[in-house]
Protein backbone atom coordinates (compact mmCIF):
# COMPACT_ATOMS: atom_id res chain seq x y z
CA MET A 1 -29.52 4.67 -23.18
CA ALA A 2 -30.16 1.41 -21.38
CA VAL A 3 -27.26 0.01 -19.39
CA ALA A 4 -27.51 -3.29 -21.26
CA SER A 5 -26.90 -1.50 -24.58
CA LEU A 6 -23.51 -0.30 -23.36
CA VAL A 7 -22.20 -3.88 -23.52
CA PRO A 8 -21.19 -4.86 -27.08
CA GLN A 9 -23.60 -7.36 -28.56
CA ASP A 10 -20.82 -9.83 -29.29
CA SER A 11 -19.50 -9.77 -25.69
CA LYS A 12 -19.62 -13.07 -23.90
CA GLU A 13 -20.07 -13.71 -20.21
CA SER A 14 -16.56 -15.20 -20.13
CA ASP A 15 -15.12 -11.85 -21.27
CA LEU A 16 -16.70 -10.09 -18.31
CA GLN A 17 -15.49 -12.76 -15.91
CA GLY A 18 -11.93 -11.83 -16.83
CA TYR A 19 -12.29 -8.72 -14.70
CA SER A 20 -12.22 -10.42 -11.33
CA PHE A 21 -10.67 -10.10 -7.90
CA ASP A 22 -8.83 -13.42 -8.25
CA LEU A 23 -5.06 -13.02 -7.82
CA THR A 24 -4.13 -16.62 -8.56
CA GLY A 25 -0.83 -16.87 -10.42
CA ARG A 26 0.39 -13.44 -9.35
CA THR A 27 3.19 -12.55 -6.95
CA ALA A 28 2.86 -9.64 -4.53
CA LEU A 29 5.66 -7.83 -2.70
CA VAL A 30 4.44 -5.88 0.33
CA THR A 31 6.98 -3.66 2.07
CA GLY A 32 6.84 -3.24 5.83
CA SER A 33 4.68 -6.34 6.12
CA SER A 34 5.98 -8.18 9.16
CA ARG A 35 3.17 -6.63 11.22
CA GLY A 36 0.40 -4.01 11.22
CA LEU A 37 -1.38 -2.88 8.07
CA GLY A 38 1.28 -4.41 5.82
CA TYR A 39 0.80 -7.83 7.36
CA ALA A 40 -3.00 -7.54 7.05
CA ILE A 41 -2.73 -6.52 3.39
CA ALA A 42 -0.27 -9.31 2.58
CA ARG A 43 -2.49 -11.89 4.26
CA ALA A 44 -5.53 -10.70 2.31
CA LEU A 45 -3.70 -10.75 -1.02
CA GLY A 46 -2.55 -14.28 -0.22
CA HIS A 47 -6.09 -15.43 0.50
CA ALA A 48 -7.11 -13.86 -2.82
CA GLY A 49 -4.66 -16.23 -4.52
CA ALA A 50 -1.36 -14.33 -4.71
CA SER A 51 2.01 -15.74 -3.76
CA LEU A 52 3.62 -13.43 -1.23
CA VAL A 53 6.98 -11.79 -0.68
CA ILE A 54 6.95 -10.03 2.67
CA ASN A 55 9.51 -7.42 3.63
CA GLY A 56 11.04 -5.85 6.71
CA THR A 57 14.47 -5.13 8.15
CA SER A 58 14.41 -7.87 10.80
CA ALA A 59 14.91 -11.33 9.30
CA ALA A 60 13.79 -12.97 12.55
CA ARG A 61 10.53 -11.05 12.76
CA LEU A 62 9.88 -11.69 9.07
CA GLU A 63 10.28 -15.42 9.54
CA GLU A 64 7.83 -15.38 12.45
CA SER A 65 5.28 -13.58 10.28
CA ALA A 66 5.97 -15.88 7.33
CA THR A 67 5.41 -18.94 9.53
CA SER A 68 2.05 -17.54 10.65
CA LEU A 69 1.03 -16.91 7.05
CA ARG A 70 2.15 -20.36 5.96
CA ASP A 71 0.09 -21.85 8.78
CA ASP A 72 -2.82 -20.13 7.03
CA GLY A 73 -1.99 -22.15 3.92
CA LEU A 74 -0.37 -19.27 2.02
CA SER A 75 2.71 -19.30 -0.22
CA VAL A 76 5.26 -16.94 1.35
CA LYS A 77 8.86 -15.90 0.83
CA THR A 78 10.75 -13.32 2.87
CA ALA A 79 12.96 -10.46 1.68
CA ALA A 80 14.79 -8.61 4.43
CA PHE A 81 16.03 -5.29 3.05
CA ASP A 82 16.05 -1.60 3.91
CA VAL A 83 13.56 0.19 1.66
CA THR A 84 15.39 3.50 2.12
CA ASN A 85 18.71 2.13 0.86
CA GLU A 86 19.01 2.16 -2.92
CA GLY A 87 21.70 -0.54 -2.99
CA SER A 88 19.75 -2.78 -0.62
CA VAL A 89 16.61 -2.48 -2.75
CA ALA A 90 18.50 -3.17 -5.98
CA GLY A 91 20.14 -6.20 -4.39
CA ALA A 92 16.80 -7.56 -3.21
CA PHE A 93 15.28 -7.30 -6.69
CA ALA A 94 18.37 -8.92 -8.20
CA ALA A 95 17.88 -11.83 -5.79
CA LEU A 96 14.22 -12.10 -6.80
CA ASP A 97 15.29 -12.11 -10.45
CA ALA A 98 17.81 -14.86 -9.77
CA GLY A 99 15.09 -16.90 -8.08
CA GLY A 100 12.78 -16.52 -11.07
CA LEU A 101 10.25 -14.39 -9.14
CA GLU A 102 8.37 -11.74 -11.10
CA ILE A 103 6.64 -9.12 -8.95
CA ASP A 104 3.19 -8.52 -10.43
CA ILE A 105 1.89 -6.49 -7.48
CA LEU A 106 3.88 -4.05 -5.37
CA VAL A 107 2.43 -2.54 -2.20
CA ASN A 108 4.58 0.31 -0.87
CA ASN A 109 3.49 0.18 2.74
CA ALA A 110 6.65 0.77 4.81
CA GLY A 111 6.35 3.81 7.03
CA ILE A 112 7.11 5.41 10.38
CA GLN A 113 5.58 8.18 12.48
CA LEU A 114 7.19 10.93 14.55
CA ARG A 115 5.11 13.26 16.68
CA LYS A 116 6.98 16.46 17.51
CA PRO A 117 6.33 20.19 17.02
CA MET A 118 7.81 21.29 13.70
CA ILE A 119 9.80 24.09 15.33
CA ASP A 120 11.68 21.48 17.37
CA LEU A 121 12.32 19.03 14.51
CA SER A 122 15.90 18.31 13.54
CA LEU A 123 16.80 17.91 9.87
CA GLU A 124 17.81 14.33 10.59
CA GLU A 125 14.36 13.56 12.03
CA TRP A 126 12.66 15.22 9.04
CA ARG A 127 14.73 13.23 6.56
CA SER A 128 14.15 9.95 8.38
CA VAL A 129 10.36 10.24 8.05
CA ILE A 130 10.50 11.52 4.45
CA ASP A 131 12.92 8.78 3.39
CA THR A 132 10.92 5.96 4.99
CA ASN A 133 7.45 7.10 3.97
CA LEU A 134 8.06 8.69 0.56
CA THR A 135 11.52 8.15 -0.91
CA SER A 136 11.28 4.40 -0.31
CA ALA A 137 8.15 4.24 -2.47
CA PHE A 138 10.09 5.90 -5.30
CA ILE A 139 13.09 3.57 -4.93
CA VAL A 140 11.14 0.33 -4.66
CA GLY A 141 8.55 1.47 -7.21
CA ARG A 142 11.27 2.31 -9.73
CA GLU A 143 12.90 -1.13 -9.38
CA ALA A 144 9.54 -2.84 -9.77
CA ALA A 145 8.61 -0.72 -12.80
CA ARG A 146 11.90 -1.49 -14.54
CA ARG A 147 10.72 -5.10 -14.61
CA MET A 148 7.00 -4.49 -15.14
CA ILE A 149 7.45 -2.25 -18.19
CA PRO A 150 9.03 -4.93 -20.43
CA ARG A 151 6.22 -7.33 -19.41
CA GLY A 152 3.57 -4.72 -20.20
CA ARG A 153 1.67 -5.14 -16.93
CA GLY A 154 1.85 -4.49 -13.21
CA LYS A 155 0.04 -3.10 -10.18
CA ILE A 156 1.58 -0.59 -7.79
CA ILE A 157 -0.32 0.34 -4.64
CA ASN A 158 1.13 3.13 -2.52
CA ILE A 159 -0.12 3.48 1.02
CA GLY A 160 -0.91 7.11 1.67
CA SER A 161 -2.99 8.45 4.51
CA LEU A 162 -5.83 10.72 5.46
CA MET A 163 -2.89 13.11 5.80
CA SER A 164 -2.28 12.93 2.05
CA GLY A 165 -4.79 15.76 1.84
CA LEU A 166 -5.08 17.12 5.37
CA ALA A 167 -2.77 18.19 8.20
CA ARG A 168 -2.57 18.09 11.97
CA PRO A 169 -0.10 19.65 14.42
CA THR A 170 3.09 17.76 15.39
CA ILE A 171 3.28 15.43 12.35
CA ALA A 172 4.68 17.77 9.68
CA PRO A 173 7.14 15.34 8.02
CA TYR A 174 4.54 12.56 7.96
CA THR A 175 1.98 14.90 6.37
CA ALA A 176 4.51 16.10 3.79
CA ALA A 177 5.51 12.53 2.97
CA LYS A 178 1.95 11.28 2.61
CA GLY A 179 0.99 14.29 0.49
CA GLY A 180 4.00 13.37 -1.64
CA ILE A 181 2.72 9.80 -1.95
CA LYS A 182 -0.43 11.13 -3.60
CA MET A 183 1.58 13.08 -6.16
CA LEU A 184 4.15 10.32 -6.66
CA THR A 185 1.26 8.00 -7.51
CA GLN A 186 0.05 10.45 -10.14
CA ALA A 187 3.59 10.83 -11.51
CA MET A 188 3.88 7.04 -11.80
CA THR A 189 0.63 7.03 -13.75
CA ALA A 190 1.79 9.82 -16.03
CA GLU A 191 4.90 7.87 -17.03
CA TRP A 192 3.97 4.22 -16.69
CA ALA A 193 0.26 3.85 -17.53
CA GLU A 194 1.01 3.46 -21.24
CA HIS A 195 3.06 0.39 -20.34
CA GLY A 196 0.10 -1.40 -18.76
CA ILE A 197 0.92 -0.44 -15.17
CA GLN A 198 -1.79 0.80 -12.82
CA ALA A 199 -0.46 2.93 -9.93
CA ASN A 200 -2.95 3.89 -7.26
CA ALA A 201 -2.92 4.77 -3.57
CA ILE A 202 -4.94 3.99 -0.46
CA GLY A 203 -5.48 6.66 2.17
CA PRO A 204 -6.27 5.02 5.51
CA GLY A 205 -7.94 7.09 8.18
CA TYR A 206 -7.43 6.51 11.87
CA MET A 207 -6.86 2.78 12.17
CA LEU A 208 -6.35 0.49 15.17
CA THR A 209 -2.66 -0.27 14.59
CA ASP A 210 0.54 -0.41 16.61
CA MET A 211 1.58 2.94 15.11
CA ASN A 212 -1.52 4.57 16.60
CA GLN A 213 -1.38 2.90 20.01
CA ALA A 214 -0.34 6.13 21.74
CA LEU A 215 -3.41 7.81 20.24
CA THR A 216 -5.94 5.07 20.92
CA SER A 217 -4.89 4.97 24.58
CA ASN A 218 -5.32 8.74 24.95
CA PRO A 219 -8.95 9.30 26.08
CA GLN A 220 -9.08 12.86 24.76
CA PHE A 221 -7.75 11.96 21.32
CA ASP A 222 -9.87 8.80 21.15
CA ALA A 223 -12.96 10.91 21.81
CA TRP A 224 -11.87 13.44 19.15
CA VAL A 225 -11.46 10.74 16.49
CA LYS A 226 -14.86 9.24 17.23
CA ALA A 227 -16.55 12.65 17.22
CA ARG A 228 -14.77 13.78 14.02
CA THR A 229 -15.38 10.56 12.06
CA PRO A 230 -18.92 10.14 10.66
CA SER A 231 -18.69 6.39 11.38
CA ARG A 232 -18.02 7.31 15.04
CA ARG A 233 -15.22 4.78 15.47
CA TRP A 234 -11.67 3.84 14.53
CA GLY A 235 -11.06 1.69 11.48
CA LYS A 236 -9.84 -1.89 11.64
CA PRO A 237 -6.94 -3.16 9.50
CA GLU A 238 -9.15 -5.81 7.93
CA GLU A 239 -11.44 -3.04 6.62
CA LEU A 240 -8.61 -1.78 4.43
CA VAL A 241 -7.78 -4.99 2.63
CA GLY A 242 -10.76 -5.11 0.27
CA THR A 243 -9.55 -1.93 -1.39
CA ALA A 244 -6.07 -3.42 -1.73
CA ILE A 245 -7.45 -6.56 -3.39
CA PHE A 246 -9.48 -4.44 -5.80
CA LEU A 247 -6.46 -2.33 -6.79
CA ALA A 248 -4.28 -5.44 -7.15
CA SER A 249 -6.76 -7.27 -9.36
CA SER A 250 -7.89 -7.04 -12.97
CA ALA A 251 -11.11 -5.43 -11.71
CA SER A 252 -9.16 -2.14 -11.52
CA ASP A 253 -7.42 -2.31 -14.90
CA TYR A 254 -8.75 1.12 -15.94
CA VAL A 255 -8.25 2.77 -12.54
CA ASN A 256 -5.04 4.79 -12.49
CA GLY A 257 -3.51 7.64 -10.50
CA GLN A 258 -6.22 7.63 -7.84
CA ILE A 259 -6.14 7.72 -4.06
CA ILE A 260 -9.01 5.92 -2.35
CA TYR A 261 -9.64 7.07 1.20
CA VAL A 262 -10.70 4.39 3.66
CA ASP A 263 -11.43 6.66 6.60
CA GLY A 264 -15.00 6.18 7.82
CA GLY A 265 -15.98 9.36 5.99
CA MET A 266 -13.66 11.76 7.84
CA SER A 267 -12.29 13.39 4.70
CA ALA A 268 -15.82 13.97 3.37
CA VAL A 269 -17.00 16.33 6.09
CA ILE A 270 -15.99 19.59 7.77
């Protein structure tokens, strides 16, 4: 069957143009977005047309980041709240409601790393990583979905990792949390897809970020990453944002419950 015959004869070009990457008129909340990957994703969504709500725990740092984004000509508001605190998250969404802001796009990006042998991990350290990287996505995602469901639409993008499907020594809680992000994304799809919500995840590989500075400055580990990655280099934050724009836009309206790895091919090879 010819590809052209798959398009209904009465379809118009304008119908197809509706599935675009344009985010004009939409509002995006990106957690953990005062710097790093979150900042890069927020900036890209803004340049794609979205109004932004950036999040972090430091109001001062958020305002610095917001000023930089506004200097880029973007529409930005700040929301300083702790993504691991249920009351703080609920209060932040109540404030958004009071301000007439509807979150159309949620990017659950907030996360931390802890490198320590599992046998030496305290329960407090384990819980801190799990709460920040996984539980926060449930808490914030639930609040967003409670508002998206009545509207019959919404985009949720959870930031996973290459470690959503693989493991390395000394990062057990991070690996467990990011594996959980993959399954949480599928659970969101199972319950919320019928309400017009698309929940998907991005799995970054080894990226040049502040979180990975200790690794990039280690010659042995740097050489390992470059040898192990088919692209033979680290990824750049700006190479992640195209996937985020796709998942935030109407171009992905029938994509649900997926994790897209942006890792230079590392997860594809032995």
